[in-house]
Amino acid sequence: MDPAALDETARRLKHRLRSCDICPRTCGVDRTKGGRGVCRTGLRAIVSSFGPHFGEESPLVGSNGSGTVFFSGCSLRCVFCQNYEISHLQDGEETDASRLAGIFLAVQRMGCHNLNLVTPTHVTPQIVEALGIAAAKGFSLPVVYNCGGYERVETLRELSGIVDIYMPDLKFLDPGRSARYCCAPDYPDVAREALREMSRQVGPLTFDPDGIAVRGLLVRHLVMPGDASTTRAVIDFLADEIGAGTYLNLMDQYRPCGRAAEYPEIARRTSRQEWGDARAYALRKGMTRLDGDA
């Protein structure tokens, strides 16, 4: 990483915080003066926790774990979020760029295979600023951008050459569902464009000789009950437009978290049959790079 180039990118991104348009919400608040939009985050990033994580996808975890940094707040704010206390209630500590850089370097010293930025969208300027500081002190891990898929292409373009692995969660491709569960009827169109840009930047997921991911696109899709997640439409888009060789994690761990109990159709766990049907459909579409099958 070139610290000078990172500093220049951070300068451009931080300037946009004055009338924030970092994410698709384009709230327009002045975060440099304490304004808070949908993400409820001001000038400083809020870090909930950090350290080696062994519950991520196998190509990220390896033997030493994925170096996760969990950011509080979120611009999507799904009602069923499994990190509800972090994303909605903002459990964590405000952290300046110097401290955040120290966290990145600490993750590297822990021996983690990568820096896994969890829910980074709304704090992209702060992350890039911290990466510039960390790079000047020897930071060199692959950077994983672990997001909800609700990204502005203009912001993603600033991350070209900075992010090594994009890991978006493609949630659903129906505006009615995204309006109901995220208050974001534009999510399907926004997410499609975001994934196209991510794929353009990094291509399919690639690995080192030890099977650890070093670059590329890894897509997550949480299979929800009653096809609330429009799973077949998601798989069709990935197979037909991004490529059947896309590495896909069809997640089976949905449970009604957050406010999900208020929505009867998603107030239960996904059944094994529903998940099995999703996997079978992905295989029929030629998507053989499913998590665990790399």
Protein backbone atom coordinates (compact mmCIF):
# COMPACT_ATOMS: atom_id res chain seq x y z
CA MET A 1 0.00 0.00 0.00
CA ASP A 2 1.21 3.48 -0.86
CA PRO A 3 0.67 5.72 2.20
CA ALA A 4 0.66 8.89 0.09
CA ALA A 5 -2.00 7.54 -2.28
CA LEU A 6 -4.09 6.40 0.67
CA ASP A 7 -3.81 9.83 2.26
CA GLU A 8 -5.01 11.50 -0.93
CA THR A 9 -7.98 9.13 -1.25
CA ALA A 10 -8.84 9.70 2.41
CA ARG A 11 -8.76 13.46 1.85
CA ARG A 12 -11.29 13.19 -0.98
CA LEU A 13 -13.56 10.88 0.96
CA LYS A 14 -13.43 12.94 4.16
CA HIS A 15 -14.36 16.07 2.19
CA ARG A 16 -17.60 14.30 1.23
CA LEU A 17 -18.50 13.93 4.92
CA ARG A 18 -19.36 17.65 4.96
CA SER A 19 -22.54 16.81 3.08
CA CYS A 20 -22.41 13.07 3.42
CA ASP A 21 -22.97 11.03 0.29
CA ILE A 22 -20.73 8.09 1.16
CA CYS A 23 -23.54 5.52 1.00
CA PRO A 24 -26.71 5.31 -1.13
CA ARG A 25 -28.76 7.08 1.57
CA THR A 26 -26.98 10.35 0.63
CA CYS A 27 -28.27 11.95 3.84
CA GLY A 28 -26.39 15.20 3.20
CA VAL A 29 -25.65 15.82 6.90
CA ASP A 30 -22.37 17.46 7.94
CA ARG A 31 -20.67 14.65 9.82
CA THR A 32 -17.57 16.77 10.40
CA LYS A 33 -19.67 18.89 12.76
CA GLY A 34 -21.46 16.05 14.50
CA GLY A 35 -24.31 15.51 12.07
CA ARG A 36 -25.68 11.98 12.01
CA GLY A 37 -27.79 10.45 9.27
CA VAL A 38 -29.24 6.97 8.91
CA CYS A 39 -25.99 5.33 10.05
CA ARG A 40 -26.02 7.43 13.25
CA THR A 41 -22.27 7.88 13.06
CA GLY A 42 -20.50 11.22 13.13
CA LEU A 43 -16.89 12.07 12.31
CA ARG A 44 -15.28 9.20 14.21
CA ALA A 45 -15.76 5.51 13.54
CA ILE A 46 -17.20 3.45 16.38
CA VAL A 47 -15.42 0.13 16.95
CA SER A 48 -17.28 -2.59 18.81
CA SER A 49 -14.54 -5.25 18.89
CA PHE A 50 -11.57 -6.63 16.98
CA GLY A 51 -9.41 -9.72 16.84
CA PRO A 52 -9.02 -13.16 15.22
CA HIS A 53 -12.34 -14.69 14.18
CA PHE A 54 -12.75 -18.36 13.26
CA GLY A 55 -16.42 -18.30 12.25
CA GLU A 56 -15.91 -16.69 8.84
CA GLU A 57 -15.64 -18.48 5.49
CA SER A 58 -12.91 -21.12 5.34
CA PRO A 59 -10.73 -19.29 2.76
CA LEU A 60 -10.50 -16.31 5.15
CA VAL A 61 -9.95 -18.19 8.40
CA GLY A 62 -7.10 -20.59 7.64
CA SER A 63 -5.14 -21.58 10.72
CA ASN A 64 -4.77 -18.14 12.33
CA GLY A 65 -8.21 -16.61 11.86
CA SER A 66 -9.63 -13.66 10.00
CA GLY A 67 -8.73 -10.34 11.62
CA THR A 68 -12.17 -8.85 12.11
CA VAL A 69 -12.85 -5.25 13.10
CA PHE A 70 -16.54 -4.77 13.90
CA PHE A 71 -17.80 -1.24 13.25
CA SER A 72 -20.94 -0.03 15.01
CA GLY A 73 -23.76 1.69 13.18
CA CYS A 74 -25.05 0.83 9.72
CA SER A 75 -26.65 2.61 6.79
CA LEU A 76 -28.89 -0.35 5.89
CA ARG A 77 -30.25 -1.32 9.33
CA CYS A 78 -32.11 -4.54 8.49
CA VAL A 79 -34.88 -5.36 10.98
CA PHE A 80 -33.56 -8.93 11.26
CA CYS A 81 -29.88 -8.04 11.77
CA GLN A 82 -27.94 -10.69 13.66
CA ASN A 83 -25.60 -7.99 14.99
CA TYR A 84 -28.51 -5.79 16.11
CA GLU A 85 -26.79 -4.50 19.25
CA ILE A 86 -23.88 -3.27 17.16
CA SER A 87 -25.62 -2.04 14.01
CA HIS A 88 -28.71 -0.49 15.61
CA LEU A 89 -27.80 0.18 19.24
CA GLN A 90 -24.19 1.15 18.40
CA ASP A 91 -22.39 -0.72 21.12
CA GLY A 92 -18.74 0.35 20.92
CA GLU A 93 -16.19 3.12 21.35
CA GLU A 94 -15.51 6.15 19.17
CA THR A 95 -12.06 5.76 17.65
CA ASP A 96 -9.87 8.31 15.88
CA ALA A 97 -7.69 7.50 12.87
CA SER A 98 -4.52 6.95 14.88
CA ARG A 99 -6.20 4.49 17.23
CA LEU A 100 -7.89 2.72 14.31
CA ALA A 101 -4.53 2.36 12.57
CA GLY A 102 -3.19 0.83 15.78
CA ILE A 103 -6.02 -1.70 15.71
CA PHE A 104 -5.17 -2.66 12.12
CA LEU A 105 -1.52 -3.16 13.08
CA ALA A 106 -2.52 -5.15 16.16
CA VAL A 107 -4.56 -7.53 13.99
CA GLN A 108 -1.48 -8.02 11.82
CA ARG A 109 0.71 -8.73 14.86
CA MET A 110 -1.84 -11.34 15.99
CA GLY A 111 -0.96 -13.33 12.88
CA CYS A 112 -4.37 -13.05 11.18
CA HIS A 113 -4.50 -13.83 7.48
CA ASN A 114 -6.36 -10.63 6.56
CA LEU A 115 -7.99 -7.47 7.86
CA ASN A 116 -11.73 -8.10 7.79
CA LEU A 117 -13.67 -4.81 7.96
CA VAL A 118 -17.19 -5.67 9.14
CA THR A 119 -19.89 -3.12 8.21
CA PRO A 120 -17.41 -0.60 6.79
CA THR A 121 -19.68 1.28 4.37
CA HIS A 122 -20.52 4.34 6.46
CA VAL A 123 -16.95 4.75 7.79
CA THR A 124 -15.03 4.27 4.54
CA PRO A 125 -13.27 7.67 4.82
CA GLN A 126 -12.12 6.91 8.36
CA ILE A 127 -10.90 3.46 7.34
CA VAL A 128 -8.86 4.74 4.42
CA GLU A 129 -7.31 7.45 6.59
CA ALA A 130 -6.31 4.83 9.16
CA LEU A 131 -4.94 2.52 6.47
CA GLY A 132 -2.66 5.33 5.32
CA ILE A 133 -1.24 5.69 8.83
CA ALA A 134 -0.92 1.93 9.25
CA ALA A 135 0.72 1.43 5.85
CA ALA A 136 3.42 3.93 6.77
CA LYS A 137 4.18 1.68 9.76
CA GLY A 138 4.35 -1.58 7.84
CA PHE A 139 0.76 -2.78 7.52
CA SER A 140 0.47 -5.23 4.62
CA LEU A 141 -2.45 -7.62 5.15
CA PRO A 142 -5.07 -8.20 2.44
CA VAL A 143 -8.10 -5.99 3.12
CA VAL A 144 -11.55 -7.59 3.21
CA TYR A 145 -14.57 -5.31 2.71
CA ASN A 146 -17.36 -7.19 4.51
CA CYS A 147 -20.57 -5.31 3.74
CA GLY A 148 -24.32 -5.56 3.18
CA GLY A 149 -24.16 -4.89 -0.55
CA TYR A 150 -25.75 -1.43 -0.25
CA GLU A 151 -22.89 0.63 -1.69
CA ARG A 152 -22.44 3.71 -3.84
CA VAL A 153 -20.40 2.89 -6.93
CA GLU A 154 -18.75 6.32 -6.62
CA THR A 155 -17.39 5.32 -3.23
CA LEU A 156 -16.37 1.85 -4.36
CA ARG A 157 -14.32 3.35 -7.17
CA GLU A 158 -12.25 5.18 -4.57
CA LEU A 159 -11.42 1.79 -3.05
CA SER A 160 -9.99 0.32 -6.25
CA GLY A 161 -6.49 -0.89 -5.43
CA ILE A 162 -7.15 -0.65 -1.68
CA VAL A 163 -9.64 -3.48 -1.13
CA ASP A 164 -8.33 -6.93 -2.01
CA ILE A 165 -11.42 -9.01 -1.22
CA TYR A 166 -14.99 -7.78 -1.48
CA MET A 167 -17.43 -9.81 0.62
CA PRO A 168 -20.93 -8.37 0.13
CA ASP A 169 -24.12 -9.94 1.41
CA LEU A 170 -26.60 -9.94 -1.45
CA LYS A 171 -29.79 -9.94 0.62
CA PHE A 172 -32.75 -9.89 -1.75
CA LEU A 173 -33.62 -8.67 -5.24
CA ASP A 174 -37.18 -7.48 -4.75
CA PRO A 175 -37.88 -3.82 -3.89
CA GLY A 176 -40.93 -4.76 -1.83
CA ARG A 177 -38.86 -6.94 0.46
CA SER A 178 -36.04 -4.44 0.77
CA ALA A 179 -38.52 -1.67 1.52
CA ARG A 180 -40.22 -3.79 4.19
CA TYR A 181 -37.10 -5.08 5.91
CA CYS A 182 -34.56 -2.27 5.33
CA CYS A 183 -36.57 0.82 4.31
CA ALA A 184 -34.50 0.72 1.11
CA PRO A 185 -36.66 -0.01 -1.96
CA ASP A 186 -33.64 0.84 -4.12
CA TYR A 187 -31.54 -1.96 -2.59
CA PRO A 188 -31.90 -4.41 -5.52
CA ASP A 189 -30.75 -1.94 -8.17
CA VAL A 190 -28.02 -0.49 -5.95
CA ALA A 191 -26.70 -3.91 -4.97
CA ARG A 192 -26.60 -5.16 -8.56
CA GLU A 193 -24.50 -2.18 -9.63
CA ALA A 194 -22.28 -2.48 -6.57
CA LEU A 195 -21.52 -6.15 -7.23
CA ARG A 196 -20.77 -5.43 -10.87
CA GLU A 197 -18.23 -2.82 -9.77
CA MET A 198 -16.70 -5.10 -7.13
CA SER A 199 -16.34 -7.88 -9.69
CA ARG A 200 -14.78 -5.47 -12.17
CA GLN A 201 -12.17 -4.41 -9.62
CA VAL A 202 -11.08 -7.75 -8.18
CA GLY A 203 -12.48 -10.58 -10.32
CA PRO A 204 -13.17 -14.11 -9.06
CA LEU A 205 -11.79 -15.23 -5.70
CA THR A 206 -8.17 -16.46 -5.86
CA PHE A 207 -6.05 -18.27 -3.28
CA ASP A 208 -2.45 -18.67 -2.16
CA PRO A 209 -0.78 -22.11 -2.11
CA ASP A 210 -2.21 -22.73 1.37
CA GLY A 211 -5.79 -22.16 0.23
CA ILE A 212 -6.12 -18.72 1.83
CA ALA A 213 -8.04 -16.12 -0.19
CA VAL A 214 -5.86 -13.25 -1.37
CA ARG A 215 -8.03 -11.38 -3.87
CA GLY A 216 -11.46 -11.45 -5.47
CA LEU A 217 -15.18 -11.47 -4.86
CA LEU A 218 -16.87 -13.65 -2.25
CA VAL A 219 -20.65 -13.27 -2.04
CA ARG A 220 -22.80 -14.15 0.94
CA HIS A 221 -26.52 -14.84 0.75
CA LEU A 222 -28.61 -15.55 3.83
CA VAL A 223 -31.39 -17.98 2.95
CA MET A 224 -34.47 -16.69 4.77
CA PRO A 225 -37.74 -18.49 5.51
CA GLY A 226 -40.55 -18.46 2.98
CA ASP A 227 -38.27 -17.12 0.24
CA ALA A 228 -38.20 -13.68 1.88
CA SER A 229 -34.65 -13.47 0.51
CA THR A 230 -35.69 -14.13 -3.13
CA THR A 231 -32.94 -16.73 -3.28
CA ARG A 232 -33.49 -17.95 -6.82
CA ALA A 233 -33.41 -14.40 -8.18
CA VAL A 234 -30.14 -13.81 -6.32
CA ILE A 235 -28.59 -16.98 -7.73
CA ASP A 236 -29.83 -16.16 -11.24
CA PHE A 237 -28.20 -12.74 -11.08
CA LEU A 238 -24.90 -14.10 -9.80
CA ALA A 239 -24.72 -16.97 -12.26
CA ASP A 240 -25.93 -15.07 -15.31
CA GLU A 241 -24.35 -11.64 -14.80
CA ILE A 242 -21.44 -11.89 -12.39
CA GLY A 243 -20.43 -15.40 -13.41
CA ALA A 244 -21.13 -18.99 -12.43
CA GLY A 245 -17.57 -19.12 -11.07
CA THR A 246 -18.44 -16.62 -8.32
CA TYR A 247 -17.58 -17.95 -4.87
CA LEU A 248 -20.87 -18.09 -2.96
CA ASN A 249 -21.66 -18.77 0.67
CA LEU A 250 -25.31 -19.80 0.97
CA MET A 251 -25.78 -19.18 4.68
CA ASP A 252 -28.15 -21.39 6.64
CA GLN A 253 -27.98 -19.68 10.03
CA TYR A 254 -30.97 -17.34 9.79
CA ARG A 255 -32.81 -16.92 13.05
CA PRO A 256 -35.29 -14.18 14.03
CA CYS A 257 -33.07 -11.51 15.60
CA GLY A 258 -33.59 -7.82 16.20
CA ARG A 259 -37.18 -6.91 15.34
CA ALA A 260 -37.85 -9.95 13.15
CA ALA A 261 -40.55 -11.21 15.51
CA GLU A 262 -42.68 -8.24 14.39
CA TYR A 263 -42.80 -9.73 10.87
CA PRO A 264 -44.66 -13.08 10.98
CA GLU A 265 -43.24 -14.36 7.69
CA ILE A 266 -39.64 -14.20 8.99
CA ALA A 267 -40.32 -14.97 12.65
CA ARG A 268 -38.92 -18.50 12.38
CA ARG A 269 -35.69 -20.20 11.44
CA THR A 270 -34.94 -21.26 7.90
CA SER A 271 -35.63 -24.98 7.48
CA ARG A 272 -33.01 -27.44 6.28
CA GLN A 273 -35.26 -28.15 3.31
CA GLU A 274 -35.32 -24.48 2.29
CA TRP A 275 -31.55 -24.26 2.50
CA GLY A 276 -31.09 -27.57 0.69
CA ASP A 277 -33.35 -26.42 -2.13
CA ALA A 278 -31.30 -23.22 -2.45
CA ARG A 279 -28.05 -25.13 -2.68
CA ALA A 280 -29.46 -27.54 -5.23
CA TYR A 281 -30.65 -24.64 -7.38
CA ALA A 282 -27.23 -22.98 -7.22
CA LEU A 283 -25.62 -26.21 -8.40
CA ARG A 284 -28.11 -26.51 -11.26
CA LYS A 285 -27.13 -23.00 -12.32
CA GLY A 286 -23.49 -24.12 -12.48
CA MET A 287 -22.37 -22.40 -9.29
CA THR A 288 -20.01 -25.08 -7.99
CA ARG A 289 -17.79 -22.72 -5.96
CA LEU A 290 -19.92 -22.88 -2.84
CA ASP A 291 -18.34 -22.33 0.56
CA GLY A 292 -16.62 -25.52 1.59
CA ASP A 293 -16.36 -26.73 -2.01
CA ALA A 294 -13.47 -24.53 -3.15
